[in-house]
PDB file of all heavy atoms in Angstrom:
ATOM      1  N   PRO A   1     172.359 -64.089  64.518  1.00  0.00           N
ATOM      2  CA  PRO A   1     171.508 -64.755  63.579  1.00  0.00           C
ATOM      3  C   PRO A   1     172.125 -65.290  62.433  1.00  0.00           C
ATOM      4  O   PRO A   1     171.709 -66.257  61.696  1.00  0.00           O
ATOM      5  CB  PRO A   1     170.378 -63.754  63.330  1.00  0.00           C
ATOM      6  CG  PRO A   1     170.559 -62.770  64.419  1.00  0.00           C
ATOM      7  CD  PRO A   1     171.871 -62.831  65.010  1.00  0.00           C
ATOM      8  N   ASN A   2     173.238 -64.616  61.861  1.00  0.00           N
ATOM      9  CA  ASN A   2     173.857 -65.003  60.612  1.00  0.00           C
ATOM     10  C   ASN A   2     174.919 -66.022  60.871  1.00  0.00           C
ATOM     11  O   ASN A   2     175.801 -66.399  60.051  1.00  0.00           O
ATOM     12  CB  ASN A   2     174.413 -63.827  59.911  1.00  0.00           C
ATOM     13  CG  ASN A   2     175.396 -63.112  60.721  1.00  0.00           C
ATOM     14  OD1 ASN A   2     175.714 -63.467  61.771  1.00  0.00           O
ATOM     15  ND2 ASN A   2     176.042 -62.001  60.142  1.00  0.00           N
ATOM     16  N   ARG A   3     174.969 -66.700  62.027  1.00  0.00           N
ATOM     17  CA  ARG A   3     175.834 -67.824  62.462  1.00  0.00           C
ATOM     18  C   ARG A   3     177.252 -67.359  62.572  1.00  0.00           C
ATOM     19  O   ARG A   3     178.140 -68.221  62.639  1.00  0.00           O
ATOM     20  CB  ARG A   3     175.637 -68.994  61.465  1.00  0.00           C
ATOM     21  CG  ARG A   3     174.285 -69.697  61.460  1.00  0.00           C
ATOM     22  CD  ARG A   3     174.201 -70.280  62.889  1.00  0.00           C
ATOM     23  NE  ARG A   3     173.125 -71.306  62.773  1.00  0.00           N
ATOM     24  CZ  ARG A   3     172.535 -71.694  63.833  1.00  0.00           C
ATOM     25  NH1 ARG A   3     172.860 -71.113  65.003  1.00  0.00           N
ATOM     26  NH2 ARG A   3     171.635 -72.547  63.796  1.00  0.00           N
ATOM     27  N   ILE A   4     177.560 -66.131  62.666  1.00  0.00           N
ATOM     28  CA  ILE A   4     178.890 -65.561  62.901  1.00  0.00           C
ATOM     29  C   ILE A   4     178.998 -65.357  64.352  1.00  0.00           C
ATOM     30  O   ILE A   4     178.220 -64.662  64.937  1.00  0.00           O
ATOM     31  CB  ILE A   4     179.323 -64.347  62.041  1.00  0.00           C
ATOM     32  CG1 ILE A   4     179.121 -64.598  60.622  1.00  0.00           C
ATOM     33  CG2 ILE A   4     180.612 -63.786  62.383  1.00  0.00           C
ATOM     34  CD1 ILE A   4     179.257 -63.517  59.720  1.00  0.00           C
ATOM     35  N   PRO A   5     179.999 -65.887  65.090  1.00  0.00           N
ATOM     36  CA  PRO A   5     180.264 -65.609  66.483  1.00  0.00           C
ATOM     37  C   PRO A   5     180.380 -64.121  66.733  1.00  0.00           C
ATOM     38  O   PRO A   5     180.945 -63.473  65.896  1.00  0.00           O
ATOM     39  CB  PRO A   5     181.447 -66.424  66.934  1.00  0.00           C
ATOM     40  CG  PRO A   5     181.844 -67.268  65.788  1.00  0.00           C
ATOM     41  CD  PRO A   5     181.061 -66.734  64.628  1.00  0.00           C
ATOM     42  N   PRO A   6     179.891 -63.754  67.868  1.00  0.00           N
ATOM     43  CA  PRO A   6     180.098 -62.284  68.295  1.00  0.00           C
ATOM     44  C   PRO A   6     181.564 -61.891  68.442  1.00  0.00           C
ATOM     45  O   PRO A   6     182.391 -62.839  68.809  1.00  0.00           O
ATOM     46  CB  PRO A   6     179.287 -62.107  69.544  1.00  0.00           C
ATOM     47  CG  PRO A   6     179.296 -63.433  70.130  1.00  0.00           C
ATOM     48  CD  PRO A   6     179.305 -64.429  69.000  1.00  0.00           C
ATOM     49  N   SER A   7     181.976 -60.680  68.141  1.00  0.00           N
ATOM     50  CA  SER A   7     183.314 -60.270  68.283  1.00  0.00           C
ATOM     51  C   SER A   7     183.566 -60.164  69.738  1.00  0.00           C
ATOM     52  O   SER A   7     182.922 -59.376  70.444  1.00  0.00           O
ATOM     53  CB  SER A   7     183.658 -59.048  67.470  1.00  0.00           C
ATOM     54  OG  SER A   7     182.845 -57.952  67.974  1.00  0.00           O
ATOM     55  N   LEU A   8     184.558 -60.874  70.249  1.00  0.00           N
ATOM     56  CA  LEU A   8     184.975 -60.744  71.773  1.00  0.00           C
ATOM     57  C   LEU A   8     186.212 -59.960  71.818  1.00  0.00           C
ATOM     58  O   LEU A   8     186.926 -59.950  70.918  1.00  0.00           O
ATOM     59  CB  LEU A   8     185.120 -62.172  72.206  1.00  0.00           C
ATOM     60  CG  LEU A   8     184.021 -63.141  72.261  1.00  0.00           C
ATOM     61  CD1 LEU A   8     184.299 -64.476  72.661  1.00  0.00           C
ATOM     62  CD2 LEU A   8     182.843 -62.554  73.108  1.00  0.00           C
ATOM     63  N   PRO A   9     186.352 -59.315  72.969  1.00  0.00           N
ATOM     64  CA  PRO A   9     187.576 -58.535  73.108  1.00  0.00           C
ATOM     65  C   PRO A   9     188.807 -59.458  73.124  1.00  0.00           C
ATOM     66  O   PRO A   9     188.697 -60.574  73.529  1.00  0.00           O
ATOM     67  CB  PRO A   9     187.419 -57.801  74.536  1.00  0.00           C
ATOM     68  CG  PRO A   9     186.362 -58.542  75.115  1.00  0.00           C
ATOM     69  CD  PRO A   9     185.542 -59.142  74.089  1.00  0.00           C
ATOM     70  N   SER A  10     189.983 -58.851  72.711  1.00  0.00           N
ATOM     71  CA  SER A  10     191.221 -59.645  72.811  1.00  0.00           C
ATOM     72  C   SER A  10     191.603 -60.041  74.127  1.00  0.00           C
ATOM     73  O   SER A  10     191.302 -59.321  75.190  1.00  0.00           O
ATOM     74  CB  SER A  10     192.310 -58.689  72.253  1.00  0.00           C
ATOM     75  OG  SER A  10     191.938 -58.450  70.882  1.00  0.00           O
ATOM     76  N   THR A  11     192.192 -61.141  74.409  1.00  0.00           N
ATOM     77  CA  THR A  11     192.612 -61.644  75.714  1.00  0.00           C
ATOM     78  C   THR A  11     193.978 -62.018  75.747  1.00  0.00           C
ATOM     79  O   THR A  11     194.740 -62.250  74.706  1.00  0.00           O
ATOM     80  CB  THR A  11     191.755 -62.910  76.086  1.00  0.00           C
ATOM     81  OG1 THR A  11     191.953 -63.988  75.096  1.00  0.00           O
ATOM     82  CG2 THR A  11     190.235 -62.639  76.185  1.00  0.00           C
ATOM     83  N   ASP A  12     194.644 -61.942  76.985  1.00  0.00           N
ATOM     84  CA  ASP A  12     195.900 -62.373  77.150  1.00  0.00           C
ATOM     85  C   ASP A  12     196.121 -63.891  77.314  1.00  0.00           C
ATOM     86  O   ASP A  12     195.017 -64.612  77.120  1.00  0.00           O
ATOM     87  CB  ASP A  12     196.576 -61.664  78.297  1.00  0.00           C
ATOM     88  CG  ASP A  12     195.887 -61.992  79.600  1.00  0.00           C
ATOM     89  OD1 ASP A  12     195.059 -62.909  79.693  1.00  0.00           O
ATOM     90  OD2 ASP A  12     196.289 -61.428  80.709  1.00  0.00           O
ATOM     91  N   LYS A  13     197.240 -64.419  77.533  1.00  0.00           N
ATOM     92  CA  LYS A  13     197.429 -65.834  77.557  1.00  0.00           C
ATOM     93  C   LYS A  13     196.720 -66.514  78.735  1.00  0.00           C
ATOM     94  O   LYS A  13     196.516 -67.714  78.724  1.00  0.00           O
ATOM     95  CB  LYS A  13     198.844 -66.218  77.630  1.00  0.00           C
ATOM     96  CG  LYS A  13     199.620 -65.785  78.824  1.00  0.00           C
ATOM     97  CD  LYS A  13     201.114 -66.242  78.791  1.00  0.00           C
ATOM     98  CE  LYS A  13     201.889 -65.662  79.952  1.00  0.00           C
ATOM     99  NZ  LYS A  13     203.284 -66.048  79.983  1.00  0.00           N
ATOM    100  N   TYR A  14     196.175 -65.741  79.749  1.00  0.00           N
ATOM    101  CA  TYR A  14     195.410 -66.282  80.918  1.00  0.00           C
ATOM    102  C   TYR A  14     193.867 -66.154  80.627  1.00  0.00           C
ATOM    103  O   TYR A  14     193.154 -66.534  81.509  1.00  0.00           O
ATOM    104  CB  TYR A  14     195.806 -65.644  82.072  1.00  0.00           C
ATOM    105  CG  TYR A  14     197.313 -65.640  82.453  1.00  0.00           C
ATOM    106  CD1 TYR A  14     198.180 -64.637  82.288  1.00  0.00           C
ATOM    107  CD2 TYR A  14     197.849 -66.922  82.832  1.00  0.00           C
ATOM    108  CE1 TYR A  14     199.499 -64.748  82.568  1.00  0.00           C
ATOM    109  CE2 TYR A  14     199.104 -67.078  83.043  1.00  0.00           C
ATOM    110  CZ  TYR A  14     200.018 -65.972  82.909  1.00  0.00           C
ATOM    111  OH  TYR A  14     201.345 -66.190  83.188  1.00  0.00           O
ATOM    112  N   GLY A  15     193.446 -65.622  79.497  1.00  0.00           N
ATOM    113  CA  GLY A  15     192.161 -65.415  79.215  1.00  0.00           C
ATOM    114  C   GLY A  15     191.438 -64.111  79.717  1.00  0.00           C
ATOM    115  O   GLY A  15     190.331 -63.888  79.635  1.00  0.00           O
ATOM    116  N   ASP A  16     192.344 -63.174  80.298  1.00  0.00           N
ATOM    117  CA  ASP A  16     191.801 -62.038  80.890  1.00  0.00           C
ATOM    118  C   ASP A  16     191.664 -60.968  79.592  1.00  0.00           C
ATOM    119  O   ASP A  16     192.644 -60.985  78.771  1.00  0.00           O
ATOM    120  CB  ASP A  16     192.768 -61.442  81.922  1.00  0.00           C
ATOM    121  CG  ASP A  16     192.778 -62.338  83.141  1.00  0.00           C
ATOM    122  OD1 ASP A  16     191.754 -62.937  83.464  1.00  0.00           O
ATOM    123  OD2 ASP A  16     193.838 -62.413  83.864  1.00  0.00           O
ATOM    124  N   PRO A  17     190.711 -60.177  79.609  1.00  0.00           N
ATOM    125  CA  PRO A  17     190.562 -59.178  78.592  1.00  0.00           C
ATOM    126  C   PRO A  17     191.681 -58.173  78.565  1.00  0.00           C
ATOM    127  O   PRO A  17     192.037 -57.759  79.688  1.00  0.00           O
ATOM    128  CB  PRO A  17     189.211 -58.630  78.683  1.00  0.00           C
ATOM    129  CG  PRO A  17     188.822 -58.791  80.147  1.00  0.00           C
ATOM    130  CD  PRO A  17     189.523 -60.096  80.488  1.00  0.00           C
ATOM    131  N   LEU A  18     192.238 -57.796  77.420  1.00  0.00           N
ATOM    132  CA  LEU A  18     193.196 -56.771  77.368  1.00  0.00           C
ATOM    133  C   LEU A  18     192.581 -55.486  77.382  1.00  0.00           C
ATOM    134  O   LEU A  18     191.476 -55.275  77.023  1.00  0.00           O
ATOM    135  CB  LEU A  18     194.007 -56.969  75.998  1.00  0.00           C
ATOM    136  CG  LEU A  18     194.831 -58.169  75.895  1.00  0.00           C
ATOM    137  CD1 LEU A  18     195.440 -58.315  74.491  1.00  0.00           C
ATOM    138  CD2 LEU A  18     195.960 -58.220  76.815  1.00  0.00           C
ATOM    139  N   PRO A  19     193.332 -54.428  77.910  1.00  0.00           N
ATOM    140  CA  PRO A  19     192.778 -53.068  77.974  1.00  0.00           C
ATOM    141  C   PRO A  19     192.548 -52.550  76.547  1.00  0.00           C
ATOM    142  O   PRO A  19     193.273 -52.790  75.578  1.00  0.00           O
ATOM    143  CB  PRO A  19     193.807 -52.181  78.607  1.00  0.00           C
ATOM    144  CG  PRO A  19     195.058 -53.084  78.816  1.00  0.00           C
ATOM    145  CD  PRO A  19     194.724 -54.474  78.395  1.00  0.00           C
ATOM    146  N   GLN A  20     191.445 -51.810  76.378  1.00  0.00           N
ATOM    147  CA  GLN A  20     191.001 -51.360  75.067  1.00  0.00           C
ATOM    148  C   GLN A  20     191.415 -49.896  75.078  1.00  0.00           C
ATOM    149  O   GLN A  20     191.042 -49.202  75.934  1.00  0.00           O
ATOM    150  CB  GLN A  20     189.513 -51.494  74.909  1.00  0.00           C
ATOM    151  CG  GLN A  20     188.928 -53.077  74.943  1.00  0.00           C
ATOM    152  CD  GLN A  20     189.623 -53.832  73.872  1.00  0.00           C
ATOM    153  OE1 GLN A  20     189.595 -53.480  72.752  1.00  0.00           O
ATOM    154  NE2 GLN A  20     190.139 -55.005  74.260  1.00  0.00           N
ATOM    155  N   LEU A  21     191.945 -49.461  73.902  1.00  0.00           N
ATOM    156  CA  LEU A  21     192.266 -47.994  73.751  1.00  0.00           C
ATOM    157  C   LEU A  21     190.961 -47.211  73.404  1.00  0.00           C
ATOM    158  O   LEU A  21     190.031 -47.698  72.807  1.00  0.00           O
ATOM    159  CB  LEU A  21     193.278 -47.838  72.638  1.00  0.00           C
ATOM    160  CG  LEU A  21     194.579 -48.467  72.871  1.00  0.00           C
ATOM    161  CD1 LEU A  21     195.346 -48.288  71.626  1.00  0.00           C
ATOM    162  CD2 LEU A  21     195.303 -47.889  74.112  1.00  0.00           C
ATOM    163  N   LEU A  22     190.935 -46.023  73.820  1.00  0.00           N
ATOM    164  CA  LEU A  22     189.740 -45.124  73.527  1.00  0.00           C
ATOM    165  C   LEU A  22     189.828 -44.677  72.075  1.00  0.00           C
ATOM    166  O   LEU A  22     190.970 -44.504  71.458  1.00  0.00           O
ATOM    167  CB  LEU A  22     189.844 -43.868  74.390  1.00  0.00           C
ATOM    168  CG  LEU A  22     189.649 -44.156  75.980  1.00  0.00           C
ATOM    169  CD1 LEU A  22     189.903 -42.854  76.646  1.00  0.00           C
ATOM    170  CD2 LEU A  22     188.281 -44.743  76.219  1.00  0.00           C
ATOM    171  N   SER A  23     188.812 -44.457  71.398  1.00  0.00           N
ATOM    172  CA  SER A  23     188.708 -44.108  69.945  1.00  0.00           C
ATOM    173  C   SER A  23     189.322 -42.669  69.923  1.00  0.00           C
ATOM    174  O   SER A  23     189.961 -42.271  68.972  1.00  0.00           O
ATOM    175  CB  SER A  23     187.388 -44.128  69.422  1.00  0.00           C
ATOM    176  OG  SER A  23     186.440 -43.408  70.194  1.00  0.00           O
ATOM    177  N   GLU A  24     189.086 -41.794  70.922  1.00  0.00           N
ATOM    178  CA  GLU A  24     189.716 -40.525  70.981  1.00  0.00           C
ATOM    179  C   GLU A  24     190.091 -40.182  72.406  1.00  0.00           C
ATOM    180  O   GLU A  24     189.351 -40.655  73.318  1.00  0.00           O
ATOM    181  CB  GLU A  24     188.870 -39.508  70.384  1.00  0.00           C
ATOM    182  CG  GLU A  24     187.647 -38.935  71.093  1.00  0.00           C
ATOM    183  CD  GLU A  24     186.885 -37.905  70.381  1.00  0.00           C
ATOM    184  OE1 GLU A  24     186.404 -38.244  69.215  1.00  0.00           O
ATOM    185  OE2 GLU A  24     186.769 -36.791  70.988  1.00  0.00           O
ATOM    186  N   PRO A  25     191.222 -39.461  72.604  1.00  0.00           N
ATOM    187  CA  PRO A  25     191.571 -39.240  73.968  1.00  0.00           C
ATOM    188  C   PRO A  25     190.609 -38.302  74.773  1.00  0.00           C
ATOM    189  O   PRO A  25     189.862 -37.504  74.176  1.00  0.00           O
ATOM    190  CB  PRO A  25     193.016 -38.563  73.871  1.00  0.00           C
ATOM    191  CG  PRO A  25     192.930 -38.077  72.445  1.00  0.00           C
ATOM    192  CD  PRO A  25     192.037 -38.882  71.630  1.00  0.00           C
ATOM    193  N   ARG A  26     190.630 -38.508  76.028  1.00  0.00           N
ATOM    194  CA  ARG A  26     189.767 -37.715  76.901  1.00  0.00           C
ATOM    195  C   ARG A  26     190.574 -36.391  77.259  1.00  0.00           C
ATOM    196  O   ARG A  26     191.794 -36.312  77.333  1.00  0.00           O
ATOM    197  CB  ARG A  26     189.538 -38.273  78.256  1.00  0.00           C
ATOM    198  CG  ARG A  26     188.625 -39.587  78.091  1.00  0.00           C
ATOM    199  CD  ARG A  26     188.496 -40.248  79.401  1.00  0.00           C
ATOM    200  NE  ARG A  26     187.869 -41.624  79.281  1.00  0.00           N
ATOM    201  CZ  ARG A  26     187.811 -42.482  80.124  1.00  0.00           C
ATOM    202  NH1 ARG A  26     188.286 -42.275  81.323  1.00  0.00           N
ATOM    203  NH2 ARG A  26     187.284 -43.664  79.852  1.00  0.00           N
ATOM    204  N   SER A  27     189.793 -35.405  77.417  1.00  0.00           N
ATOM    205  CA  SER A  27     190.437 -34.006  77.808  1.00  0.00           C
ATOM    206  C   SER A  27     189.564 -33.293  78.737  1.00  0.00           C
ATOM    207  O   SER A  27     188.357 -33.539  78.918  1.00  0.00           O
ATOM    208  CB  SER A  27     190.681 -33.257  76.568  1.00  0.00           C
ATOM    209  OG  SER A  27     189.542 -32.806  75.945  1.00  0.00           O
ATOM    210  N   CYS A  28     190.158 -32.411  79.427  1.00  0.00           N
ATOM    211  CA  CYS A  28     189.419 -31.597  80.395  1.00  0.00           C
ATOM    212  C   CYS A  28     190.085 -30.230  80.556  1.00  0.00           C
ATOM    213  O   CYS A  28     191.270 -30.134  80.092  1.00  0.00           O
ATOM    214  CB  CYS A  28     189.170 -32.246  81.796  1.00  0.00           C
ATOM    215  SG  CYS A  28     190.734 -32.588  82.670  1.00  0.00           S
ATOM    216  N   GLU A  29     189.482 -29.239  81.126  1.00  0.00           N
ATOM    217  CA  GLU A  29     190.024 -27.955  81.173  1.00  0.00           C
ATOM    218  C   GLU A  29     191.113 -27.991  82.414  1.00  0.00           C
ATOM    219  O   GLU A  29     191.035 -28.820  83.240  1.00  0.00           O
ATOM    220  CB  GLU A  29     188.965 -26.908  81.488  1.00  0.00           C
ATOM    221  CG  GLU A  29     187.971 -26.837  80.360  1.00  0.00           C
ATOM    222  CD  GLU A  29     186.857 -25.904  80.668  1.00  0.00           C
ATOM    223  OE1 GLU A  29     186.902 -25.204  81.696  1.00  0.00           O
ATOM    224  OE2 GLU A  29     185.953 -25.724  79.735  1.00  0.00           O
ATOM    225  N   ALA A  30     191.895 -26.958  82.305  1.00  0.00           N
ATOM    226  CA  ALA A  30     192.967 -26.904  83.515  1.00  0.00           C
ATOM    227  C   ALA A  30     192.277 -26.544  84.788  1.00  0.00           C
ATOM    228  O   ALA A  30     192.820 -26.965  85.787  1.00  0.00           O
ATOM    229  CB  ALA A  30     193.896 -25.702  83.090  1.00  0.00           C
ATOM    230  N   ALA A  31     191.042 -25.966  84.741  1.00  0.00           N
ATOM    231  CA  ALA A  31     190.331 -25.704  86.001  1.00  0.00           C
ATOM    232  C   ALA A  31     190.068 -26.962  86.733  1.00  0.00           C
ATOM    233  O   ALA A  31     189.903 -26.905  88.056  1.00  0.00           O
ATOM    234  CB  ALA A  31     189.173 -24.899  85.768  1.00  0.00           C
ATOM    235  N   ALA A  32     189.936 -28.111  86.103  1.00  0.00           N
ATOM    236  CA  ALA A  32     189.647 -29.417  86.681  1.00  0.00           C
ATOM    237  C   ALA A  32     190.781 -29.815  87.561  1.00  0.00           C
ATOM    238  O   ALA A  32     190.551 -30.326  88.736  1.00  0.00           O
ATOM    239  CB  ALA A  32     189.322 -30.497  85.537  1.00  0.00           C
ATOM    240  N   GLY A  33     192.014 -29.564  87.255  1.00  0.00           N
ATOM    241  CA  GLY A  33     193.148 -29.815  87.985  1.00  0.00           C
ATOM    242  C   GLY A  33     193.253 -28.951  89.263  1.00  0.00           C
ATOM    243  O   GLY A  33     193.512 -29.458  90.356  1.00  0.00           O
ATOM    244  N   ILE A  34     192.873 -27.670  89.129  1.00  0.00           N
ATOM    245  CA  ILE A  34     192.848 -26.803  90.238  1.00  0.00           C
ATOM    246  C   ILE A  34     191.675 -27.245  91.281  1.00  0.00           C
ATOM    247  O   ILE A  34     191.884 -27.280  92.439  1.00  0.00           O
ATOM    248  CB  ILE A  34     192.512 -25.291  89.816  1.00  0.00           C
ATOM    249  CG1 ILE A  34     193.633 -24.780  88.800  1.00  0.00           C
ATOM    250  CG2 ILE A  34     192.405 -24.377  90.963  1.00  0.00           C
ATOM    251  CD1 ILE A  34     195.019 -24.669  89.443  1.00  0.00           C
ATOM    252  N   SER A  35     190.619 -27.628  90.673  1.00  0.00           N
ATOM    253  CA  SER A  35     189.468 -28.128  91.527  1.00  0.00           C
ATOM    254  C   SER A  35     189.969 -29.381  92.303  1.00  0.00           C
ATOM    255  O   SER A  35     189.576 -29.561  93.485  1.00  0.00           O
ATOM    256  CB  SER A  35     188.279 -28.394  90.573  1.00  0.00           C
ATOM    257  OG  SER A  35     187.311 -29.077  91.395  1.00  0.00           O
ATOM    258  N   TRP A  36     190.652 -30.259  91.636  1.00  0.00           N
ATOM    259  CA  TRP A  36     191.102 -31.454  92.238  1.00  0.00           C
ATOM    260  C   TRP A  36     192.062 -31.254  93.339  1.00  0.00           C
ATOM    261  O   TRP A  36     191.961 -31.770  94.494  1.00  0.00           O
ATOM    262  CB  TRP A  36     191.937 -32.345  91.162  1.00  0.00           C
ATOM    263  CG  TRP A  36     192.396 -33.692  91.678  1.00  0.00           C
ATOM    264  CD1 TRP A  36     191.725 -34.811  91.982  1.00  0.00           C
ATOM    265  CD2 TRP A  36     193.733 -33.985  91.887  1.00  0.00           C
ATOM    266  NE1 TRP A  36     192.513 -35.747  92.418  1.00  0.00           N
ATOM    267  CE2 TRP A  36     193.771 -35.267  92.345  1.00  0.00           C
ATOM    268  CE3 TRP A  36     194.983 -33.366  91.692  1.00  0.00           C
ATOM    269  CZ2 TRP A  36     194.973 -35.896  92.680  1.00  0.00           C
ATOM    270  CZ3 TRP A  36     196.157 -33.944  91.983  1.00  0.00           C
ATOM    271  CH2 TRP A  36     196.119 -35.221  92.386  1.00  0.00           C
ATOM    272  N   LEU A  37     193.046 -30.208  93.184  1.00  0.00           N
ATOM    273  CA  LEU A  37     193.926 -29.850  94.313  1.00  0.00           C
ATOM    274  C   LEU A  37     193.220 -29.187  95.408  1.00  0.00           C
ATOM    275  O   LEU A  37     193.549 -29.426  96.638  1.00  0.00           O
ATOM    276  CB  LEU A  37     194.983 -28.928  93.716  1.00  0.00           C
ATOM    277  CG  LEU A  37     196.038 -29.600  92.772  1.00  0.00           C
ATOM    278  CD1 LEU A  37     196.966 -28.562  92.087  1.00  0.00           C
ATOM    279  CD2 LEU A  37     196.817 -30.637  93.485  1.00  0.00           C
ATOM    280  N   THR A  38     192.205 -28.341  95.098  1.00  0.00           N
ATOM    281  CA  THR A  38     191.389 -27.665  96.202  1.00  0.00           C
ATOM    282  C   THR A  38     190.707 -28.698  96.978  1.00  0.00           C
ATOM    283  O   THR A  38     190.656 -28.543  98.200  1.00  0.00           O
ATOM    284  CB  THR A  38     190.384 -26.677  95.560  1.00  0.00           C
ATOM    285  OG1 THR A  38     191.106 -25.859  94.668  1.00  0.00           O
ATOM    286  CG2 THR A  38     189.721 -25.822  96.532  1.00  0.00           C
ATOM    287  N   LYS A  39     190.061 -29.727  96.375  1.00  0.00           N
ATOM    288  CA  LYS A  39     189.372 -30.769  97.151  1.00  0.00           C
ATOM    289  C   LYS A  39     190.338 -31.505  98.032  1.00  0.00           C
ATOM    290  O   LYS A  39     189.961 -31.823  99.161  1.00  0.00           O
ATOM    291  CB  LYS A  39     188.659 -31.643  96.138  1.00  0.00           C
ATOM    292  CG  LYS A  39     187.398 -31.086  95.473  1.00  0.00           C
ATOM    293  CD  LYS A  39     186.873 -32.107  94.570  1.00  0.00           C
ATOM    294  CE  LYS A  39     185.629 -31.484  93.894  1.00  0.00           C
ATOM    295  NZ  LYS A  39     185.115 -32.333  92.805  1.00  0.00           N
ATOM    296  N   ALA A  40     191.535 -31.845  97.498  1.00  0.00           N
ATOM    297  CA  ALA A  40     192.550 -32.572  98.278  1.00  0.00           C
ATOM    298  C   ALA A  40     192.986 -31.729  99.555  1.00  0.00           C
ATOM    299  O   ALA A  40     193.123 -32.253 100.627  1.00  0.00           O
ATOM    300  CB  ALA A  40     193.783 -32.860  97.442  1.00  0.00           C
ATOM    301  N   ALA A  41     193.115 -30.405  99.333  1.00  0.00           N
ATOM    302  CA  ALA A  41     193.482 -29.508 100.393  1.00  0.00           C
ATOM    303  C   ALA A  41     192.411 -29.530 101.482  1.00  0.00           C
ATOM    304  O   ALA A  41     192.655 -29.510 102.722  1.00  0.00           O
ATOM    305  CB  ALA A  41     193.842 -28.160  99.863  1.00  0.00           C
TER     306      ALA A  41
END
């Protein structure tokens, strides 16, 4: 409404959106890795 275009994500030279960084890193407990290996087995 204030006539300012919306902020669009940055793009590369081909017009594809660049990957956006997370504001804070994701984390999980070590048990998640054990669960992943158990499911794979």
